[in-house]
Amino acid sequence: MELKVARTEHNAKPKKIKLEKIDEIVAKEKSAIMYFDAENSHKDLLFLQEHFEEMGKSFYMREVKYGLSDDEYMYEVHVL
């Protein structure tokens, strides 16, 4: 599974990251705060939540608005 990382430029295309790479980051750091693009499906993010909760990790996700438009947001994910 691949997820799109939050953009650093408004007009740029989001970069993709594989689940295996996310697992490596969390394993190395013991916890992580990551930002994902609004183009990700909510279903994929819920799968990510289930994946980490099955591993015994705590998972917190919220939408972060960065503009006035309804489509200007990203997902903030905490894995502990």
Protein backbone atom coordinates (compact mmCIF):
# COMPACT_ATOMS: atom_id res chain seq x y z
CA MET A 1 0.00 0.00 0.00
CA GLU A 2 1.18 3.53 -0.79
CA LEU A 3 0.07 6.78 0.81
CA LYS A 4 0.66 10.32 -0.41
CA VAL A 5 2.77 12.53 1.85
CA ALA A 6 1.59 16.12 2.40
CA ARG A 7 2.81 18.56 -0.24
CA THR A 8 5.44 21.14 0.55
CA GLU A 9 4.35 23.38 -2.36
CA HIS A 10 0.71 24.17 -3.10
CA ASN A 11 0.97 23.33 -6.83
CA ALA A 12 3.32 20.35 -6.46
CA LYS A 13 2.24 16.75 -6.78
CA PRO A 14 2.35 14.77 -3.51
CA LYS A 15 5.12 12.19 -3.12
CA LYS A 16 4.24 8.60 -2.28
CA ILE A 17 5.51 6.49 0.60
CA LYS A 18 5.08 2.74 1.04
CA LEU A 19 3.70 1.14 4.19
CA GLU A 20 6.99 -0.70 4.69
CA LYS A 21 8.87 2.63 4.85
CA ILE A 22 6.36 3.99 7.39
CA ASP A 23 6.92 0.85 9.48
CA GLU A 24 10.69 1.43 9.35
CA ILE A 25 10.30 5.03 10.52
CA VAL A 26 8.07 4.05 13.44
CA ALA A 27 10.32 1.13 14.43
CA LYS A 28 13.43 3.32 14.35
CA GLU A 29 11.98 6.31 16.19
CA LYS A 30 9.54 4.35 18.47
CA SER A 31 6.95 7.03 17.61
CA ALA A 32 6.29 9.33 14.68
CA ILE A 33 4.28 12.34 13.59
CA MET A 34 3.53 12.29 9.87
CA TYR A 35 1.50 14.45 7.51
CA PHE A 36 -0.46 12.95 4.63
CA ASP A 37 -2.10 14.65 1.67
CA ALA A 38 -5.85 15.17 1.38
CA GLU A 39 -5.79 13.05 -1.81
CA ASN A 40 -5.47 9.91 0.31
CA SER A 41 -8.69 8.02 0.77
CA HIS A 42 -10.10 7.91 4.27
CA LYS A 43 -10.33 4.13 3.84
CA ASP A 44 -6.54 3.88 3.35
CA LEU A 45 -5.90 5.95 6.47
CA LEU A 46 -8.26 3.75 8.48
CA PHE A 47 -6.32 0.72 7.20
CA LEU A 48 -3.13 2.42 8.44
CA GLN A 49 -4.78 2.91 11.83
CA GLU A 50 -5.80 -0.76 12.04
CA HIS A 51 -2.29 -1.81 10.98
CA PHE A 52 -0.59 0.05 13.84
CA GLU A 53 -3.23 -0.80 16.44
CA GLU A 54 -2.76 -4.51 15.63
CA MET A 55 0.95 -3.96 16.38
CA GLY A 56 0.01 -2.59 19.82
CA LYS A 57 0.69 1.06 18.90
CA SER A 58 -1.49 4.05 19.74
CA PHE A 59 -2.76 5.93 16.69
CA TYR A 60 -4.21 9.44 16.52
CA MET A 61 -5.36 11.16 13.33
CA ARG A 62 -6.90 14.56 12.64
CA GLU A 63 -7.48 16.95 9.75
CA VAL A 64 -5.36 20.10 9.74
CA LYS A 65 -6.72 23.04 7.73
CA TYR A 66 -4.12 25.35 6.21
CA GLY A 67 -6.36 27.60 4.13
CA LEU A 68 -9.87 28.97 3.87
CA SER A 69 -11.09 26.54 1.21
CA ASP A 70 -12.71 23.26 2.25
CA ASP A 71 -10.19 21.26 0.22
CA GLU A 72 -7.13 22.86 1.81
CA TYR A 73 -6.32 20.37 4.51
CA MET A 74 -3.98 17.51 5.32
CA TYR A 75 -4.05 14.59 7.71
CA GLU A 76 -1.85 14.68 10.78
CA VAL A 77 -1.03 11.21 12.12
CA HIS A 78 0.63 10.38 15.44
CA VAL A 79 1.86 6.83 16.03
CA LEU A 80 3.10 6.08 19.54
